[in-house]
Amino acid sequence: MRNLLHDMNPSVKFILITLSMLAIAFFFNPWTPFLFWVSIILLQLTMSRTKWKLWLLFMLPFSIGAFGYLWTTVVFGADTGGTVIWSFAGLDVTDEQWARALSLAFRVMAFSTLSLLFAFTTDPVKFILSLMQQLKLSPKLAYGVMVGYQFLPVMKDEFIQIQQAQRLRGAKMQKHSWQRLLSMRQVLIPMLAGAVRKAERSAFAMEARGFTGEPRSAFYRPIRIGRIDILMSGVFLVILFVSCAGGSWLS
């Protein structure tokens, strides 16, 4: 039960999330994105193994952005008429302005929650393989992205090693942030040279193993669509339908 979102085919999950975002974008009442947002959180609580402390950390900037949408729409939004529901410091807020502000804020929360659901429950390598097998993504692009992703931890370690090596050779630690920013080129240039060498070695290794970039029909690690994908597709569609219908009825 807790692994259902993790076991879904990544391409199916990606298509469902994209369709959900497009559908929610056509509803301008505040209830539809709110109901959808709450439903996605409940879905992730019951059907995933999410690290919620990390989730809350990633959700913080999106929450600040949603509050910014709410505040700016209420304060600087155009006068759309409606009944004044409250006044503050000479500012009159109508029910139309308030509904539109809530709609934008909950839409940001719903979209960001969907994005984090995909990020926290999807293996990047499995996602690339699924794009090649189900959505026929070009192997040249897919393997290029995959190799680049595998190099990210290496680049981080290399960045730290170059900084430490420069300090051992007498490079001074700058005090001001703008000085550290300007001195960053002393680290980035060696990293760029190292990245070019790694890219050449990776290209030679792939060619030596017979990689030509041509479409293929057989895969070492096949990613298939199964009963879990059909079940979870139904769950996503039910959540979307109930949110849209409930939001239209409550508004």
Protein backbone atom coordinates (compact mmCIF):
# COMPACT_ATOMS: atom_id res chain seq x y z
CA MET A 1 0.00 0.00 0.00
CA ARG A 2 2.80 2.41 0.91
CA ASN A 3 4.68 1.60 -2.30
CA LEU A 4 1.91 2.10 -4.86
CA LEU A 5 3.04 5.55 -6.00
CA HIS A 6 6.66 4.39 -6.11
CA ASP A 7 5.78 1.31 -8.19
CA MET A 8 3.80 3.20 -10.82
CA ASN A 9 5.15 3.47 -14.33
CA PRO A 10 6.84 6.91 -14.39
CA SER A 11 5.48 7.82 -17.83
CA VAL A 12 1.91 7.02 -16.78
CA LYS A 13 2.41 9.07 -13.61
CA PHE A 14 3.89 11.95 -15.60
CA ILE A 15 0.96 11.98 -18.05
CA LEU A 16 -1.62 11.86 -15.23
CA ILE A 17 0.04 14.72 -13.36
CA THR A 18 0.27 16.82 -16.53
CA LEU A 19 -3.38 16.21 -17.38
CA SER A 20 -4.41 17.04 -13.81
CA MET A 21 -2.56 20.35 -13.91
CA LEU A 22 -4.12 21.26 -17.24
CA ALA A 23 -7.61 20.37 -15.98
CA ILE A 24 -7.28 22.32 -12.73
CA ALA A 25 -6.05 25.37 -14.66
CA PHE A 26 -9.50 25.76 -16.27
CA PHE A 27 -11.30 26.14 -12.92
CA PHE A 28 -11.21 29.61 -11.35
CA ASN A 29 -13.13 28.93 -8.16
CA PRO A 30 -11.10 28.44 -4.95
CA TRP A 31 -12.73 25.13 -3.99
CA THR A 32 -11.53 23.00 -6.89
CA PRO A 33 -7.76 23.52 -6.35
CA PHE A 34 -8.26 23.34 -2.58
CA LEU A 35 -10.03 19.98 -2.72
CA PHE A 36 -7.50 18.66 -5.21
CA TRP A 37 -4.58 19.86 -3.06
CA VAL A 38 -5.95 18.16 0.09
CA SER A 39 -6.70 14.96 -1.85
CA ILE A 40 -3.16 14.77 -3.26
CA ILE A 41 -1.67 15.22 0.21
CA LEU A 42 -3.89 12.40 1.56
CA LEU A 43 -2.92 10.23 -1.40
CA GLN A 44 0.76 10.80 -0.71
CA LEU A 45 0.27 10.15 3.01
CA THR A 46 -1.35 6.77 2.44
CA MET A 47 0.41 5.47 -0.69
CA SER A 48 4.03 6.62 -0.48
CA ARG A 49 7.11 6.54 1.74
CA THR A 50 7.77 10.26 1.65
CA LYS A 51 10.30 11.92 3.97
CA TRP A 52 7.97 14.58 5.29
CA LYS A 53 10.60 16.77 6.92
CA LEU A 54 12.34 17.12 3.57
CA TRP A 55 8.96 17.56 1.87
CA LEU A 56 8.08 20.44 4.20
CA LEU A 57 11.45 22.05 3.51
CA PHE A 58 10.86 21.94 -0.25
CA MET A 59 7.27 23.10 0.22
CA LEU A 60 8.28 26.21 2.16
CA PRO A 61 9.19 28.45 -0.83
CA PHE A 62 6.03 27.39 -2.66
CA SER A 63 3.96 28.29 0.40
CA ILE A 64 5.60 31.71 0.54
CA GLY A 65 4.86 32.15 -3.17
CA ALA A 66 1.21 31.17 -2.63
CA PHE A 67 0.88 33.71 0.17
CA GLY A 68 2.46 36.31 -2.13
CA TYR A 69 -0.17 35.58 -4.79
CA LEU A 70 -2.90 35.87 -2.16
CA TRP A 71 -1.63 39.17 -0.76
CA THR A 72 -0.86 40.88 -4.06
CA THR A 73 -4.20 39.85 -5.59
CA VAL A 74 -6.11 41.22 -2.61
CA VAL A 75 -4.14 44.47 -2.38
CA PHE A 76 -3.32 45.24 -6.03
CA GLY A 77 -6.03 43.30 -7.89
CA ALA A 78 -8.33 45.10 -10.31
CA ASP A 79 -11.76 46.13 -9.10
CA THR A 80 -14.09 43.35 -10.32
CA GLY A 81 -17.14 44.43 -8.35
CA GLY A 82 -18.93 42.30 -5.81
CA THR A 83 -19.87 42.71 -2.18
CA VAL A 84 -17.35 44.23 0.24
CA ILE A 85 -16.65 41.60 2.88
CA TRP A 86 -14.05 43.47 4.94
CA SER A 87 -12.06 46.70 4.99
CA PHE A 88 -8.59 47.42 6.32
CA ALA A 89 -6.62 50.70 6.29
CA GLY A 90 -8.89 52.16 3.64
CA LEU A 91 -8.71 49.03 1.48
CA ASP A 92 -12.00 47.40 0.53
CA VAL A 93 -11.88 43.69 -0.31
CA THR A 94 -14.80 42.22 -2.19
CA ASP A 95 -15.91 38.62 -2.31
CA GLU A 96 -14.82 38.41 -5.96
CA GLN A 97 -11.29 39.58 -5.15
CA TRP A 98 -11.04 37.22 -2.19
CA ALA A 99 -12.25 34.24 -4.22
CA ARG A 100 -9.81 34.99 -7.02
CA ALA A 101 -6.92 35.41 -4.55
CA LEU A 102 -7.73 32.10 -2.85
CA SER A 103 -8.03 30.41 -6.24
CA LEU A 104 -4.53 31.53 -7.27
CA ALA A 105 -3.01 30.60 -3.90
CA PHE A 106 -4.56 27.12 -3.78
CA ARG A 107 -3.62 26.56 -7.41
CA VAL A 108 0.04 27.21 -6.56
CA MET A 109 -0.20 24.80 -3.62
CA ALA A 110 -1.90 22.12 -5.73
CA PHE A 111 0.62 22.34 -8.58
CA SER A 112 3.62 22.37 -6.24
CA THR A 113 2.25 19.40 -4.28
CA LEU A 114 1.79 17.45 -7.51
CA SER A 115 5.34 18.29 -8.60
CA LEU A 116 6.80 17.18 -5.26
CA LEU A 117 4.73 13.99 -5.37
CA PHE A 118 6.33 13.12 -8.69
CA ALA A 119 9.83 14.09 -7.51
CA PHE A 120 9.63 12.16 -4.23
CA THR A 121 8.10 8.98 -5.65
CA THR A 122 9.96 8.60 -8.97
CA ASP A 123 13.37 7.12 -9.65
CA PRO A 124 15.05 9.41 -12.24
CA VAL A 125 16.77 6.53 -14.05
CA LYS A 126 13.53 4.55 -14.21
CA PHE A 127 11.77 7.67 -15.53
CA ILE A 128 14.27 8.07 -18.39
CA LEU A 129 13.98 4.38 -19.29
CA SER A 130 10.21 4.65 -19.24
CA LEU A 131 10.30 7.69 -21.52
CA MET A 132 12.31 5.69 -24.03
CA GLN A 133 10.14 2.60 -23.86
CA GLN A 134 6.62 4.02 -23.52
CA LEU A 135 6.89 7.53 -25.03
CA LYS A 136 9.60 6.70 -27.61
CA LEU A 137 12.06 9.36 -26.47
CA SER A 138 15.23 9.47 -28.57
CA PRO A 139 17.98 7.32 -26.99
CA LYS A 140 20.55 10.02 -27.78
CA LEU A 141 18.70 12.53 -25.63
CA ALA A 142 17.67 10.02 -22.98
CA TYR A 143 21.13 8.56 -22.36
CA GLY A 144 22.67 12.03 -22.49
CA VAL A 145 20.35 13.21 -19.71
CA MET A 146 20.97 10.03 -17.74
CA VAL A 147 24.76 10.36 -17.95
CA GLY A 148 24.54 14.02 -16.95
CA TYR A 149 22.39 13.12 -13.94
CA GLN A 150 24.89 10.47 -12.82
CA PHE A 151 27.67 13.07 -12.95
CA LEU A 152 25.94 15.52 -10.56
CA PRO A 153 27.27 13.95 -7.30
CA VAL A 154 30.72 13.69 -8.91
CA MET A 155 30.66 17.39 -9.80
CA LYS A 156 29.80 18.30 -6.21
CA ASP A 157 32.72 16.28 -4.83
CA GLU A 158 35.04 17.71 -7.46
CA PHE A 159 34.01 21.26 -6.56
CA ILE A 160 34.94 20.65 -2.90
CA GLN A 161 38.24 18.96 -3.85
CA ILE A 162 39.33 21.84 -6.10
CA GLN A 163 38.54 24.38 -3.38
CA GLN A 164 40.53 22.40 -0.80
CA ALA A 165 43.45 21.96 -3.21
CA GLN A 166 43.58 25.69 -3.90
CA ARG A 167 43.60 26.49 -0.18
CA LEU A 168 46.46 24.02 0.36
CA ARG A 169 48.39 25.93 -2.32
CA GLY A 170 47.91 29.23 -0.52
CA ALA A 171 44.68 30.61 -1.99
CA LYS A 172 43.07 33.03 0.45
CA MET A 173 39.49 32.71 1.65
CA GLN A 174 37.63 35.86 0.66
CA LYS A 175 35.68 37.63 3.41
CA HIS A 176 32.95 39.33 1.41
CA SER A 177 30.30 37.51 -0.57
CA TRP A 178 30.91 39.52 -3.76
CA GLN A 179 34.62 38.64 -3.58
CA ARG A 180 33.79 34.94 -3.19
CA LEU A 181 31.48 35.21 -6.18
CA LEU A 182 34.20 36.77 -8.35
CA SER A 183 36.77 34.21 -7.23
CA MET A 184 34.42 31.39 -8.21
CA ARG A 185 35.86 31.44 -11.74
CA GLN A 186 39.07 29.97 -10.32
CA VAL A 187 37.06 26.86 -9.44
CA LEU A 188 34.67 26.79 -12.39
CA ILE A 189 37.37 26.81 -15.10
CA PRO A 190 39.10 23.61 -13.81
CA MET A 191 35.66 22.04 -13.34
CA LEU A 192 34.75 22.88 -16.95
CA ALA A 193 37.97 21.29 -18.22
CA GLY A 194 37.30 18.19 -16.12
CA ALA A 195 33.71 18.00 -17.38
CA VAL A 196 34.91 18.04 -21.00
CA ARG A 197 37.32 15.18 -20.29
CA LYS A 198 34.58 13.17 -18.55
CA ALA A 199 32.20 13.75 -21.47
CA GLU A 200 34.81 12.51 -23.95
CA ARG A 201 35.53 9.40 -21.91
CA SER A 202 31.81 8.67 -21.56
CA ALA A 203 31.25 9.10 -25.31
CA PHE A 204 34.16 6.76 -26.14
CA ALA A 205 32.88 4.18 -23.63
CA MET A 206 29.35 4.27 -25.08
CA GLU A 207 30.64 3.89 -28.63
CA ALA A 208 32.89 1.02 -27.57
CA ARG A 209 29.82 -0.77 -26.19
CA GLY A 210 27.91 -0.40 -29.43
CA PHE A 211 25.74 2.62 -28.67
CA THR A 212 24.64 4.28 -31.91
CA GLY A 213 21.61 6.27 -30.77
CA GLU A 214 19.26 4.29 -32.99
CA PRO A 215 15.80 3.29 -31.66
CA ARG A 216 15.77 -0.15 -30.08
CA SER A 217 13.13 -2.80 -29.41
CA ALA A 218 14.89 -4.78 -26.65
CA PHE A 219 16.00 -3.38 -23.30
CA TYR A 220 18.11 -4.81 -20.49
CA ARG A 221 15.70 -3.32 -17.93
CA PRO A 222 12.16 -3.30 -19.37
CA ILE A 223 9.62 -0.92 -17.81
CA ARG A 224 6.07 -2.17 -18.30
CA ILE A 225 2.53 -0.94 -17.65
CA GLY A 226 0.69 -3.20 -15.20
CA ARG A 227 -2.33 -3.43 -12.93
CA ILE A 228 -0.90 -0.93 -10.46
CA ASP A 229 -0.79 1.71 -13.18
CA ILE A 230 -4.42 1.05 -14.15
CA LEU A 231 -5.49 1.17 -10.48
CA MET A 232 -3.61 4.40 -9.72
CA SER A 233 -4.83 5.99 -12.97
CA GLY A 234 -8.37 5.38 -11.77
CA VAL A 235 -7.52 6.89 -8.37
CA PHE A 236 -6.07 10.02 -9.98
CA LEU A 237 -9.08 10.41 -12.30
CA VAL A 238 -11.54 9.96 -9.40
CA ILE A 239 -9.69 12.60 -7.36
CA LEU A 240 -9.72 14.97 -10.33
CA PHE A 241 -13.42 14.40 -11.07
CA VAL A 242 -14.50 14.75 -7.42
CA SER A 243 -12.41 17.92 -6.99
CA CYS A 244 -13.82 19.54 -10.14
CA ALA A 245 -17.42 18.51 -9.43
CA GLY A 246 -17.21 19.39 -5.73
CA GLY A 247 -15.55 22.72 -6.42
CA SER A 248 -18.20 23.67 -9.00
CA TRP A 249 -20.98 22.68 -6.59
CA LEU A 250 -19.53 24.59 -3.61
CA SER A 251 -18.73 27.77 -5.56
